[in-house]
Amino acid sequence: MKLLVRNLSRATTEQDLRTLFAAHGKVTTCNLVLDKETGLSKGFAFVEMPNDIESRGAIKALNQTSVDKSKIRVKYADE
């Protein structure tokens, strides 16, 4: 399942996200969206987890939690 992670701190890296979500199951991809001109994070990312039960658990556990001093929002990405 593809998850959308929003309201990320500019300091949060792809590796930080991969580690955060891997605690809840297998992560197949993690893509932090970067600004093409500055190379800085745009504050959101996509994380793919192949197991539906694990992805639901990650949403429940991580949505509205604080990561790098930002309260993140996690939900299923619209396909």
C-alpha atoms as a PDB file:
ATOM      1  CA  MET A   1       0.000   0.000   0.000  1.00  0.00           C
ATOM      2  CA  LYS A   2       1.214   3.476  -0.836  1.00  0.00           C
ATOM      3  CA  LEU A   3       1.145   5.913   2.074  1.00  0.00           C
ATOM      4  CA  LEU A   4       1.344   9.693   2.009  1.00  0.00           C
ATOM      5  CA  VAL A   5       3.309  11.297   4.832  1.00  0.00           C
ATOM      6  CA  ARG A   6       2.729  15.039   5.213  1.00  0.00           C
ATOM      7  CA  ASN A   7       3.905  17.910   7.392  1.00  0.00           C
ATOM      8  CA  LEU A   8       7.469  16.627   7.592  1.00  0.00           C
ATOM      9  CA  SER A   9      10.235  18.747   9.037  1.00  0.00           C
ATOM     10  CA  ARG A  10      12.777  19.940   6.471  1.00  0.00           C
ATOM     11  CA  ALA A  11      15.378  18.090   8.570  1.00  0.00           C
ATOM     12  CA  THR A  12      13.713  14.677   8.125  1.00  0.00           C
ATOM     13  CA  THR A  13      15.557  12.416   5.654  1.00  0.00           C
ATOM     14  CA  GLU A  14      14.457   9.407   3.600  1.00  0.00           C
ATOM     15  CA  GLN A  15      16.521   7.200   5.897  1.00  0.00           C
ATOM     16  CA  ASP A  16      14.723   8.641   8.941  1.00  0.00           C
ATOM     17  CA  LEU A  17      11.373   7.778   7.342  1.00  0.00           C
ATOM     18  CA  ARG A  18      12.476   4.304   6.284  1.00  0.00           C
ATOM     19  CA  THR A  19      13.618   3.566   9.841  1.00  0.00           C
ATOM     20  CA  LEU A  20      10.411   5.004  11.331  1.00  0.00           C
ATOM     21  CA  PHE A  21       8.111   2.924   9.104  1.00  0.00           C
ATOM     22  CA  ALA A  22      10.290  -0.229   9.171  1.00  0.00           C
ATOM     23  CA  ALA A  23       9.487  -0.521  12.875  1.00  0.00           C
ATOM     24  CA  HIS A  24       5.920  -1.358  11.750  1.00  0.00           C
ATOM     25  CA  GLY A  25       6.686  -3.704   8.838  1.00  0.00           C
ATOM     26  CA  LYS A  26       8.457  -4.117   5.534  1.00  0.00           C
ATOM     27  CA  VAL A  27       9.090  -0.937   3.520  1.00  0.00           C
ATOM     28  CA  THR A  28       9.590  -1.434  -0.226  1.00  0.00           C
ATOM     29  CA  THR A  29      10.142   2.205  -1.226  1.00  0.00           C
ATOM     30  CA  CYS A  30      10.475   5.555   0.463  1.00  0.00           C
ATOM     31  CA  ASN A  31      10.509   8.746  -1.613  1.00  0.00           C
ATOM     32  CA  LEU A  32      10.983  12.119   0.023  1.00  0.00           C
ATOM     33  CA  VAL A  33       9.755  14.794  -2.397  1.00  0.00           C
ATOM     34  CA  LEU A  34      12.404  17.450  -3.035  1.00  0.00           C
ATOM     35  CA  ASP A  35      12.188  20.905  -4.580  1.00  0.00           C
ATOM     36  CA  LYS A  36      13.932  20.774  -7.973  1.00  0.00           C
ATOM     37  CA  GLU A  37      15.486  24.220  -7.620  1.00  0.00           C
ATOM     38  CA  THR A  38      16.721  24.121  -4.023  1.00  0.00           C
ATOM     39  CA  GLY A  39      17.069  20.386  -3.416  1.00  0.00           C
ATOM     40  CA  LEU A  40      15.317  20.835  -0.061  1.00  0.00           C
ATOM     41  CA  SER A  41      12.425  18.740   1.187  1.00  0.00           C
ATOM     42  CA  LYS A  42       8.947  19.913   0.235  1.00  0.00           C
ATOM     43  CA  GLY A  43       7.652  18.487   3.523  1.00  0.00           C
ATOM     44  CA  PHE A  44       5.995  15.320   2.268  1.00  0.00           C
ATOM     45  CA  ALA A  45       6.898  11.810   1.161  1.00  0.00           C
ATOM     46  CA  PHE A  46       5.504   8.548  -0.153  1.00  0.00           C
ATOM     47  CA  VAL A  47       6.187   5.254   1.611  1.00  0.00           C
ATOM     48  CA  GLU A  48       5.189   1.890   0.171  1.00  0.00           C
ATOM     49  CA  MET A  49       4.499  -1.082   2.396  1.00  0.00           C
ATOM     50  CA  PRO A  50       3.387  -4.316   0.681  1.00  0.00           C
ATOM     51  CA  ASN A  51       1.454  -5.746   3.634  1.00  0.00           C
ATOM     52  CA  ASP A  52      -1.977  -4.156   4.191  1.00  0.00           C
ATOM     53  CA  ILE A  53      -2.105  -5.069   7.886  1.00  0.00           C
ATOM     54  CA  GLU A  54       1.348  -3.572   8.497  1.00  0.00           C
ATOM     55  CA  SER A  55       0.484  -0.394   6.577  1.00  0.00           C
ATOM     56  CA  ARG A  56      -2.732   0.062   8.585  1.00  0.00           C
ATOM     57  CA  GLY A  57      -0.720  -0.441  11.776  1.00  0.00           C
ATOM     58  CA  ALA A  58       1.828   2.155  10.676  1.00  0.00           C
ATOM     59  CA  ILE A  59      -0.924   4.689   9.960  1.00  0.00           C
ATOM     60  CA  LYS A  60      -2.530   4.073  13.340  1.00  0.00           C
ATOM     61  CA  ALA A  61       0.790   4.255  15.194  1.00  0.00           C
ATOM     62  CA  LEU A  62       2.395   7.197  13.364  1.00  0.00           C
ATOM     63  CA  ASN A  63      -0.414   9.544  12.333  1.00  0.00           C
ATOM     64  CA  GLN A  64      -0.312  12.742  14.438  1.00  0.00           C
ATOM     65  CA  THR A  65       2.998  11.809  16.107  1.00  0.00           C
ATOM     66  CA  SER A  66       5.909  14.194  16.486  1.00  0.00           C
ATOM     67  CA  VAL A  67       8.947  13.593  14.252  1.00  0.00           C
ATOM     68  CA  ASP A  68      11.781  16.161  14.273  1.00  0.00           C
ATOM     69  CA  LYS A  69       9.462  18.583  16.130  1.00  0.00           C
ATOM     70  CA  SER A  70       6.716  18.350  13.469  1.00  0.00           C
ATOM     71  CA  LYS A  71       3.386  16.591  13.956  1.00  0.00           C
ATOM     72  CA  ILE A  72       3.199  14.338  10.888  1.00  0.00           C
ATOM     73  CA  ARG A  73       0.051  13.138   9.113  1.00  0.00           C
ATOM     74  CA  VAL A  74      -0.022   9.655   7.584  1.00  0.00           C
ATOM     75  CA  LYS A  75      -2.773   8.282   5.327  1.00  0.00           C
ATOM     76  CA  TYR A  76      -3.267   6.120   2.275  1.00  0.00           C
ATOM     77  CA  ALA A  77      -2.156   7.920  -0.888  1.00  0.00           C
ATOM     78  CA  ASP A  78      -4.800   8.521  -3.543  1.00  0.00           C
ATOM     79  CA  GLU A  79      -3.918   6.407  -6.546  1.00  0.00           C
END
